[in-house]
Amino acid sequence: MTSLTEEIRRSTEAPGLRRSISVGGLLITLYLFFMFLVVISFSAYVLRSDWDATLAANGGELSDLDSLGFLIKREAELEARIAEVQTDLQAAEKQRFEMVLAQNAADAKYFEARRGLDENMAAAQVHIRRADSFLDQDEQARLAHFMPEDGGADNDLNKVMTALVFIESIHIEEEDGTPVTLASVPDMTKSDVLLGPQTEWIARRIAGRDRALALKTELKSSDSALRFAGQTQLAAQGDLKWVEQRRDALADDNKELQEALTKLRTDHLPIISPHRARYSEFYGDDTWVVMQKLVPAPTILLTLMATIAAGALGTLVSFSRASPESKVEPTAGRLMINIAEGIAAAIAVFLFAGAGMLVLTQGGGVEDRLELSSFTVAFLAFLSGFMSEQAFNKIRAQGGEIFGDKNAEQNGDKQGDKAGNTDAPAPEPAGS
């Protein structure tokens, strides 16, 4: 029993068996891959051809799948752009509302500053008009040069400020020339002593001068506040105008986009359309993600894919059906070389058909358009991969015919006949 187990273990660990298992696994994997490639490329080709034929039967601009895809993509772009513009339009409306609130606040501050300046101007004008109670005749005459006799120009801030500066600058001195301040004058409201006319006069001059100084300070502050409020108001007005212009531009863009979308749906692709329904059903299912990528491809590209896959598949069939008595060892390297040769032969068939050397055309989906027959080309590609030696000999003969090489043409025909006639009897040895 032990010897039998050891014998089985040694037989399974033989290098030739391990190599056969490795090649077999690679062969099955490549079978599945190229069969899937043939099926998926042919399926995409058939679906694309049927779709084009259905659209072409309706006539008009929507004549093939490319036109349908373009219109649906254009519609999606318009919808996305409309959504973006509407979002910006809503943001502009919100910003405009905020700017209106800012404008109202700026107006309120401006009117408040204006009222404060007017009140201070009125107080200053009253004080200037009553200045004759503490100014002498010469000072009154000089003050009259700053203020016009008619009251129409009394609102001139510069004139009022000049008059206040003049009142502020009057000199009050004792008989000995010492400056007099209000603190050195007896309090007329609390003093029990009857003040003389000179003392009362000095007190009024000091009070008038100090009041002019205070009014001048208040006017400067009010004027600064009004100027700042005016600048804020102008800035708010400019911001509001800019926002309104942007909102109007976005509204115009939205209108143009809506009109373009309506025109597209009215003239080319209605909302309720069997073509739209079929397209949406096909591209709305993620199960067909590979087909979704292949169907929009040109049919000539799908034909090339099917041709290459069919050539490789024919090579795999030839390799797997090789005689066990063949002297060539079935290795992975030999398999890949054979596949490359089969693909090359299949591409040669495709090029021959595309060059018009093979009459392999059929009607496509669009009227008066001829295409390579994907089925015929793929079948010949399979045969080229399955019989790669004969295919290359045929290509060699065809090349000799094109370039005028009769030797190559004859050699190719002979080798092709020799390769194809595998059942011919072997020549007898000489002298038998």
Protein backbone atom coordinates (compact mmCIF):
# COMPACT_ATOMS: atom_id res chain seq x y z
CA MET A 1 0.00 0.00 0.00
CA THR A 2 2.83 2.35 0.86
CA SER A 3 4.63 1.67 -2.40
CA LEU A 4 1.47 2.44 -4.39
CA THR A 5 1.04 5.79 -2.61
CA GLU A 6 4.65 6.72 -3.28
CA GLU A 7 4.25 5.79 -6.95
CA ILE A 8 1.17 8.05 -7.28
CA ARG A 9 2.95 10.92 -5.55
CA ARG A 10 5.97 10.62 -7.84
CA SER A 11 3.79 10.52 -10.93
CA THR A 12 1.89 13.69 -9.92
CA GLU A 13 5.11 15.52 -9.14
CA ALA A 14 6.59 14.78 -12.58
CA PRO A 15 7.77 18.00 -14.37
CA GLY A 16 5.90 17.11 -17.58
CA LEU A 17 2.60 16.72 -15.75
CA ARG A 18 3.01 20.00 -13.87
CA ARG A 19 3.82 21.73 -17.16
CA SER A 20 0.74 20.21 -18.82
CA ILE A 21 -1.48 21.38 -15.98
CA SER A 22 -0.02 24.90 -16.23
CA VAL A 23 -0.56 25.07 -20.01
CA GLY A 24 -4.06 23.65 -19.66
CA GLY A 25 -5.03 26.27 -17.11
CA LEU A 26 -3.66 29.04 -19.32
CA LEU A 27 -5.49 27.58 -22.32
CA ILE A 28 -8.84 27.56 -20.48
CA THR A 29 -8.32 31.12 -19.24
CA LEU A 30 -7.53 32.38 -22.73
CA TYR A 31 -10.51 30.46 -24.12
CA LEU A 32 -12.85 32.25 -21.72
CA PHE A 33 -11.29 35.66 -22.35
CA PHE A 34 -11.40 35.56 -26.15
CA MET A 35 -14.85 33.97 -26.20
CA PHE A 36 -16.08 36.80 -23.98
CA LEU A 37 -14.41 39.33 -26.29
CA VAL A 38 -16.06 37.79 -29.36
CA VAL A 39 -19.49 37.72 -27.71
CA ILE A 40 -19.32 41.26 -26.35
CA SER A 41 -18.00 42.81 -29.57
CA PHE A 42 -20.60 41.03 -31.70
CA SER A 43 -23.36 41.97 -29.27
CA ALA A 44 -22.32 45.61 -29.40
CA TYR A 45 -22.10 45.43 -33.18
CA VAL A 46 -25.57 43.92 -33.54
CA LEU A 47 -27.12 46.36 -31.07
CA ARG A 48 -25.44 49.34 -32.73
CA SER A 49 -26.51 48.22 -36.23
CA ASP A 50 -30.10 47.62 -35.13
CA TRP A 51 -30.24 50.98 -33.36
CA ASP A 52 -28.87 52.80 -36.41
CA ALA A 53 -31.34 51.04 -38.69
CA THR A 54 -34.28 51.95 -36.45
CA LEU A 55 -33.27 55.60 -36.28
CA ALA A 56 -32.53 55.79 -40.01
CA ALA A 57 -36.02 54.47 -40.79
CA ASN A 58 -37.56 57.54 -39.13
CA GLY A 59 -35.62 60.00 -41.32
CA GLY A 60 -34.78 63.53 -40.27
CA GLU A 61 -31.71 64.71 -38.40
CA LEU A 62 -31.95 61.91 -35.83
CA SER A 63 -30.52 59.33 -38.23
CA ASP A 64 -28.12 57.28 -36.11
CA LEU A 65 -27.02 56.52 -32.58
CA ASP A 66 -24.32 59.20 -32.67
CA SER A 67 -26.94 61.89 -33.32
CA LEU A 68 -29.15 60.55 -30.55
CA GLY A 69 -26.27 60.44 -28.09
CA PHE A 70 -25.21 63.96 -29.03
CA LEU A 71 -28.71 65.36 -28.50
CA ILE A 72 -29.15 63.64 -25.14
CA LYS A 73 -25.70 64.81 -24.03
CA ARG A 74 -26.53 68.33 -25.20
CA GLU A 75 -29.79 68.20 -23.29
CA ALA A 76 -27.98 67.08 -20.13
CA GLU A 77 -25.47 69.91 -20.54
CA LEU A 78 -28.29 72.45 -20.92
CA GLU A 79 -30.08 71.10 -17.85
CA ALA A 80 -26.87 71.22 -15.81
CA ARG A 81 -26.16 74.75 -17.01
CA ILE A 82 -29.71 75.84 -16.21
CA ALA A 83 -29.44 74.39 -12.71
CA GLU A 84 -26.13 76.21 -12.21
CA VAL A 85 -27.52 79.52 -13.48
CA GLN A 86 -30.63 79.19 -11.33
CA THR A 87 -28.49 78.53 -8.28
CA ASP A 88 -26.42 81.63 -9.05
CA LEU A 89 -29.64 83.57 -9.66
CA GLN A 90 -30.99 82.60 -6.25
CA ALA A 91 -27.69 83.61 -4.65
CA ALA A 92 -27.85 86.93 -6.51
CA GLU A 93 -31.40 87.53 -5.29
CA LYS A 94 -30.31 86.82 -1.72
CA GLN A 95 -27.31 89.09 -2.12
CA ARG A 96 -29.55 91.80 -3.57
CA PHE A 97 -31.84 91.56 -0.54
CA GLU A 98 -28.83 91.96 1.74
CA MET A 99 -27.64 94.93 -0.32
CA VAL A 100 -31.09 96.54 -0.05
CA LEU A 101 -30.91 96.20 3.74
CA ALA A 102 -27.41 97.68 3.70
CA GLN A 103 -28.66 100.50 1.46
CA ASN A 104 -31.50 101.26 3.86
CA ALA A 105 -29.14 101.25 6.84
CA ALA A 106 -26.73 103.56 4.99
CA ASP A 107 -29.60 105.91 4.11
CA ALA A 108 -30.73 105.98 7.73
CA LYS A 109 -27.23 106.82 8.95
CA TYR A 110 -26.90 109.50 6.29
CA PHE A 111 -30.18 111.15 7.25
CA GLU A 112 -29.23 110.98 10.93
CA ALA A 113 -25.86 112.60 10.22
CA ARG A 114 -27.59 115.20 8.04
CA ARG A 115 -30.03 116.01 10.83
CA GLY A 116 -27.19 116.34 13.34
CA LEU A 117 -25.31 118.70 11.06
CA ASP A 118 -28.43 120.78 10.43
CA GLU A 119 -29.08 121.09 14.14
CA ASN A 120 -25.50 122.21 14.82
CA MET A 121 -25.65 124.62 11.86
CA ALA A 122 -28.85 126.15 13.23
CA ALA A 123 -27.30 126.58 16.68
CA ALA A 124 -24.16 128.12 15.14
CA GLN A 125 -26.20 130.55 13.06
CA VAL A 126 -28.19 131.64 16.11
CA HIS A 127 -24.99 132.20 18.03
CA ILE A 128 -23.46 134.21 15.16
CA ARG A 129 -26.56 136.41 14.84
CA ARG A 130 -26.45 137.14 18.57
CA ALA A 131 -22.76 137.96 18.51
CA ASP A 132 -23.47 141.71 18.54
CA SER A 133 -24.23 141.32 22.25
CA PHE A 134 -20.56 140.69 23.04
CA LEU A 135 -18.73 142.17 20.03
CA ASP A 136 -17.76 145.80 19.57
CA GLN A 137 -18.69 147.76 16.46
CA ASP A 138 -15.40 147.09 14.67
CA GLU A 139 -15.71 143.32 15.30
CA GLN A 140 -19.33 143.36 14.15
CA ALA A 141 -18.30 145.05 10.91
CA ARG A 142 -15.62 142.48 10.31
CA LEU A 143 -18.02 139.61 11.10
CA ALA A 144 -20.47 141.03 8.54
CA HIS A 145 -17.91 140.30 5.79
CA PHE A 146 -18.08 136.59 6.62
CA MET A 147 -21.85 136.30 6.73
CA PRO A 148 -24.06 137.84 3.97
CA GLU A 149 -26.96 140.00 4.93
CA ASP A 150 -29.58 137.71 3.32
CA GLY A 151 -30.07 134.45 5.13
CA GLY A 152 -30.09 132.35 1.92
CA ALA A 153 -26.43 131.51 2.21
CA ASP A 154 -26.47 130.82 5.92
CA ASN A 155 -26.30 127.08 5.19
CA ASP A 156 -22.83 127.47 3.74
CA LEU A 157 -20.75 125.44 6.17
CA ASN A 158 -17.49 127.15 5.23
CA LYS A 159 -18.91 130.63 5.95
CA VAL A 160 -20.31 129.52 9.29
CA MET A 161 -17.04 127.87 10.29
CA THR A 162 -15.13 131.02 9.30
CA ALA A 163 -17.44 133.17 11.43
CA LEU A 164 -17.01 130.84 14.40
CA VAL A 165 -13.24 130.91 14.02
CA PHE A 166 -13.40 134.73 14.00
CA ILE A 167 -15.50 134.79 17.19
CA GLU A 168 -13.19 132.26 18.79
CA SER A 169 -10.20 134.51 18.08
CA ILE A 170 -11.44 137.72 19.72
CA HIS A 171 -9.08 139.14 22.34
CA ILE A 172 -10.21 139.77 25.89
CA GLU A 173 -7.70 141.67 28.02
CA GLU A 174 -7.57 143.70 31.17
CA GLU A 175 -6.59 147.32 31.07
CA ASP A 176 -3.02 146.30 31.73
CA GLY A 177 -3.07 143.84 28.79
CA THR A 178 -3.46 140.64 30.86
CA PRO A 179 -5.65 138.01 29.07
CA VAL A 180 -8.95 137.38 30.81
CA THR A 181 -10.55 133.97 31.24
CA LEU A 182 -14.01 133.08 32.48
CA ALA A 183 -12.49 131.68 35.66
CA SER A 184 -11.12 135.11 36.62
CA VAL A 185 -14.54 136.76 36.22
CA PRO A 186 -16.85 136.66 39.27
CA ASP A 187 -19.80 134.30 39.04
CA MET A 188 -22.72 136.56 38.15
CA THR A 189 -25.28 134.00 39.23
CA LYS A 190 -23.89 133.38 42.67
CA SER A 191 -22.21 136.63 43.57
CA ASP A 192 -24.01 138.87 46.01
CA VAL A 193 -22.06 141.84 44.72
CA LEU A 194 -23.59 143.83 41.87
CA LEU A 195 -21.17 143.47 38.99
CA GLY A 196 -20.25 146.46 36.96
CA PRO A 197 -20.94 146.85 33.23
CA GLN A 198 -17.32 146.15 32.29
CA THR A 199 -17.25 142.86 34.15
CA GLU A 200 -20.55 141.75 32.60
CA TRP A 201 -19.25 142.67 29.14
CA ILE A 202 -16.11 140.61 29.62
CA ALA A 203 -18.15 137.67 30.84
CA ARG A 204 -20.38 137.74 27.75
CA ARG A 205 -17.34 137.94 25.47
CA ILE A 206 -15.71 134.97 27.16
CA ALA A 207 -18.93 132.92 27.06
CA GLY A 208 -19.50 133.80 23.40
CA ARG A 209 -15.98 132.85 22.49
CA ASP A 210 -16.13 129.51 24.32
CA ARG A 211 -19.54 128.73 22.79
CA ALA A 212 -18.12 129.40 19.32
CA LEU A 213 -15.27 126.99 20.05
CA ALA A 214 -17.71 124.25 21.15
CA LEU A 215 -19.97 124.82 18.14
CA LYS A 216 -16.99 124.66 15.79
CA THR A 217 -15.96 121.29 17.26
CA GLU A 218 -19.49 119.91 16.95
CA LEU A 219 -19.78 121.11 13.37
CA LYS A 220 -16.52 119.43 12.42
CA SER A 221 -17.67 116.18 13.99
CA SER A 222 -21.09 116.38 12.33
CA ASP A 223 -19.52 117.19 8.96
CA SER A 224 -17.12 114.23 9.24
CA ALA A 225 -19.98 111.90 10.19
CA LEU A 226 -22.04 113.16 7.25
CA ARG A 227 -19.19 112.67 4.81
CA PHE A 228 -18.57 109.12 6.05
CA ALA A 229 -22.28 108.33 5.88
CA GLY A 230 -22.40 109.74 2.35
CA GLN A 231 -19.49 107.55 1.24
CA THR A 232 -21.12 104.50 2.83
CA GLN A 233 -24.36 105.34 1.07
CA LEU A 234 -22.64 105.66 -2.31
CA ALA A 235 -20.79 102.38 -1.78
CA ALA A 236 -24.05 100.62 -0.88
CA GLN A 237 -25.71 102.07 -3.97
CA GLY A 238 -22.83 100.85 -6.17
CA ASP A 239 -22.94 97.36 -4.66
CA LEU A 240 -26.70 97.19 -5.12
CA LYS A 241 -26.42 98.32 -8.74
CA TRP A 242 -23.72 95.71 -9.46
CA VAL A 243 -25.78 92.93 -7.88
CA GLU A 244 -28.86 93.96 -9.86
CA GLN A 245 -26.88 93.98 -13.11
CA ARG A 246 -25.51 90.51 -12.35
CA ARG A 247 -28.99 89.27 -11.47
CA ASP A 248 -30.38 90.64 -14.75
CA ALA A 249 -27.54 89.01 -16.73
CA LEU A 250 -28.19 85.67 -15.03
CA ALA A 251 -31.90 86.02 -15.74
CA ASP A 252 -31.14 86.60 -19.43
CA ASP A 253 -28.83 83.57 -19.51
CA ASN A 254 -31.49 81.44 -17.86
CA LYS A 255 -34.06 82.58 -20.41
CA GLU A 256 -31.77 81.77 -23.35
CA LEU A 257 -30.92 78.34 -21.95
CA GLN A 258 -34.57 77.55 -21.33
CA GLU A 259 -35.42 78.54 -24.89
CA ALA A 260 -32.59 76.39 -26.28
CA LEU A 261 -33.75 73.39 -24.22
CA THR A 262 -37.34 73.87 -25.33
CA LYS A 263 -36.28 74.12 -28.97
CA LEU A 264 -34.20 70.95 -28.70
CA ARG A 265 -37.10 69.00 -27.21
CA THR A 266 -39.61 70.44 -29.66
CA ASP A 267 -37.67 70.13 -32.91
CA HIS A 268 -35.40 67.13 -32.35
CA LEU A 269 -36.00 65.02 -29.26
CA PRO A 270 -39.44 65.13 -27.58
CA ILE A 271 -39.77 64.25 -23.93
CA ILE A 272 -42.03 61.30 -24.78
CA SER A 273 -40.05 59.41 -27.42
CA PRO A 274 -39.35 55.68 -27.91
CA HIS A 275 -35.75 56.49 -28.83
CA ARG A 276 -35.25 58.42 -25.60
CA ALA A 277 -36.93 55.64 -23.61
CA ARG A 278 -34.71 52.97 -25.14
CA TYR A 279 -31.58 55.04 -24.61
CA SER A 280 -32.47 55.81 -20.99
CA GLU A 281 -33.31 52.18 -20.24
CA PHE A 282 -30.04 50.96 -21.73
CA TYR A 283 -27.75 53.55 -20.14
CA GLY A 284 -29.65 53.63 -16.86
CA ASP A 285 -28.72 50.03 -16.02
CA ASP A 286 -25.19 49.64 -14.65
CA THR A 287 -25.28 45.92 -15.46
CA TRP A 288 -24.36 46.70 -19.06
CA VAL A 289 -21.45 48.97 -18.25
CA VAL A 290 -19.12 47.25 -20.75
CA MET A 291 -21.73 47.34 -23.48
CA GLN A 292 -22.44 51.00 -22.70
CA LYS A 293 -18.81 51.77 -23.51
CA LEU A 294 -18.70 49.66 -26.69
CA VAL A 295 -22.05 50.43 -28.36
CA PRO A 296 -21.21 54.09 -29.20
CA ALA A 297 -17.95 52.95 -30.83
CA PRO A 298 -17.77 52.95 -34.66
CA THR A 299 -18.84 49.67 -36.24
CA ILE A 300 -15.49 49.32 -37.99
CA LEU A 301 -13.78 49.29 -34.58
CA LEU A 302 -16.20 46.65 -33.29
CA THR A 303 -15.47 44.59 -36.40
CA LEU A 304 -11.73 44.84 -35.71
CA MET A 305 -12.23 43.71 -32.11
CA ALA A 306 -14.30 40.73 -33.22
CA THR A 307 -11.71 39.88 -35.90
CA ILE A 308 -8.80 39.87 -33.45
CA ALA A 309 -10.72 37.82 -30.87
CA ALA A 310 -11.89 35.33 -33.52
CA GLY A 311 -8.34 34.87 -34.84
CA ALA A 312 -7.03 34.21 -31.34
CA LEU A 313 -9.92 31.83 -30.63
CA GLY A 314 -9.18 29.86 -33.82
CA THR A 315 -5.55 29.55 -32.73
CA LEU A 316 -6.62 28.21 -29.34
CA VAL A 317 -8.85 25.60 -31.01
CA SER A 318 -5.99 24.54 -33.29
CA PHE A 319 -3.59 24.34 -30.34
CA SER A 320 -5.94 22.30 -28.17
CA ARG A 321 -6.73 19.88 -31.03
CA ALA A 322 -3.10 19.27 -31.84
CA SER A 323 -2.18 15.58 -32.19
CA PRO A 324 -0.65 14.04 -29.06
CA GLU A 325 2.00 12.52 -31.37
CA SER A 326 3.20 15.99 -32.43
CA LYS A 327 6.91 16.53 -31.91
CA VAL A 328 6.33 20.13 -30.78
CA GLU A 329 6.00 20.27 -26.99
CA PRO A 330 2.85 22.23 -25.88
CA THR A 331 4.40 24.93 -23.74
CA ALA A 332 2.98 28.28 -22.63
CA GLY A 333 5.52 30.09 -24.78
CA ARG A 334 4.52 28.11 -27.87
CA LEU A 335 0.87 28.85 -27.12
CA MET A 336 1.46 32.62 -26.91
CA ILE A 337 3.46 32.57 -30.16
CA ASN A 338 0.66 30.72 -31.93
CA ILE A 339 -1.90 33.23 -30.63
CA ALA A 340 0.22 36.13 -31.88
CA GLU A 341 0.44 34.50 -35.31
CA GLY A 342 -3.30 33.88 -35.39
CA ILE A 343 -4.03 37.49 -34.48
CA ALA A 344 -1.61 38.71 -37.14
CA ALA A 345 -3.33 36.53 -39.76
CA ALA A 346 -6.74 37.82 -38.62
CA ILE A 347 -5.58 41.44 -38.93
CA ALA A 348 -4.29 40.67 -42.43
CA VAL A 349 -7.76 39.38 -43.36
CA PHE A 350 -9.28 42.54 -41.93
CA LEU A 351 -6.92 44.73 -43.93
CA PHE A 352 -7.56 42.73 -47.09
CA ALA A 353 -11.29 43.20 -46.68
CA GLY A 354 -10.90 46.91 -45.90
CA ALA A 355 -8.68 47.40 -48.96
CA GLY A 356 -11.38 45.95 -51.20
CA MET A 357 -9.42 42.84 -52.08
CA LEU A 358 -12.22 40.82 -50.51
CA VAL A 359 -15.85 41.61 -51.32
CA LEU A 360 -17.15 41.52 -47.76
CA THR A 361 -19.67 44.32 -47.41
CA GLN A 362 -23.22 44.65 -46.24
CA GLY A 363 -25.73 47.46 -45.84
CA GLY A 364 -25.42 49.46 -42.65
CA GLY A 365 -27.97 51.37 -40.66
CA VAL A 366 -27.66 54.57 -42.67
CA GLU A 367 -28.78 54.66 -46.28
CA ASP A 368 -26.10 54.28 -48.96
CA ARG A 369 -23.45 53.36 -46.41
CA LEU A 370 -21.56 50.09 -46.93
CA GLU A 371 -19.57 48.44 -44.19
CA LEU A 372 -17.41 45.39 -43.74
CA SER A 373 -19.50 42.39 -42.83
CA SER A 374 -18.43 41.71 -39.28
CA PHE A 375 -19.65 38.11 -39.45
CA THR A 376 -17.78 37.18 -42.63
CA VAL A 377 -14.56 38.90 -41.59
CA ALA A 378 -14.65 37.29 -38.15
CA PHE A 379 -15.30 33.86 -39.69
CA LEU A 380 -12.33 34.22 -42.02
CA ALA A 381 -10.26 35.47 -39.08
CA PHE A 382 -11.20 32.35 -37.12
CA LEU A 383 -10.13 30.19 -40.03
CA SER A 384 -6.90 32.18 -40.31
CA GLY A 385 -6.13 31.51 -36.67
CA PHE A 386 -7.18 27.86 -36.91
CA MET A 387 -5.15 27.32 -40.09
CA SER A 388 -2.46 29.93 -39.58
CA GLU A 389 0.12 28.17 -41.73
CA GLN A 390 -2.17 27.98 -44.73
CA ALA A 391 -3.31 31.55 -44.10
CA PHE A 392 0.24 32.91 -44.17
CA ASN A 393 1.01 30.94 -47.31
CA LYS A 394 -2.07 32.45 -48.93
CA ILE A 395 -0.96 35.90 -47.82
CA ARG A 396 2.51 35.25 -49.23
CA ALA A 397 0.99 34.21 -52.54
CA GLN A 398 -1.26 37.26 -52.60
CA GLY A 399 1.70 39.50 -51.87
CA GLY A 400 3.67 37.93 -54.70
CA GLU A 401 0.77 38.60 -57.05
CA ILE A 402 0.63 42.25 -55.97
CA PHE A 403 4.37 42.92 -56.27
CA GLY A 404 4.90 40.74 -59.32
CA ASP A 405 7.05 38.11 -57.59
CA LYS A 406 6.04 34.90 -59.35
CA ASN A 407 8.44 32.77 -57.32
CA ALA A 408 6.84 33.89 -54.06
CA GLU A 409 3.44 33.30 -55.57
CA GLN A 410 4.31 29.78 -56.73
CA ASN A 411 6.07 28.93 -53.44
CA GLY A 412 3.11 30.17 -51.49
CA ASP A 413 0.68 28.09 -53.53
CA LYS A 414 2.86 24.98 -53.24
CA GLN A 415 3.35 25.39 -49.50
CA GLY A 416 -0.33 26.05 -49.08
CA ASP A 417 -1.23 22.88 -50.99
CA LYS A 418 1.39 20.92 -49.06
CA ALA A 419 0.14 22.23 -45.73
CA GLY A 420 -3.47 21.60 -46.66
CA ASN A 421 -2.89 18.05 -48.02
CA THR A 422 -1.94 16.34 -44.79
CA ASP A 423 -3.28 12.98 -45.94
CA ALA A 424 -1.01 12.74 -49.07
CA PRO A 425 1.19 9.62 -49.10
CA ALA A 426 4.85 10.10 -48.31
CA PRO A 427 7.31 9.61 -51.22
CA GLU A 428 8.91 6.19 -51.46
CA PRO A 429 12.60 5.92 -50.64
CA ALA A 430 14.94 5.67 -53.59
CA GLY A 431 15.98 2.19 -54.59
CA SER A 432 12.99 0.50 -52.96
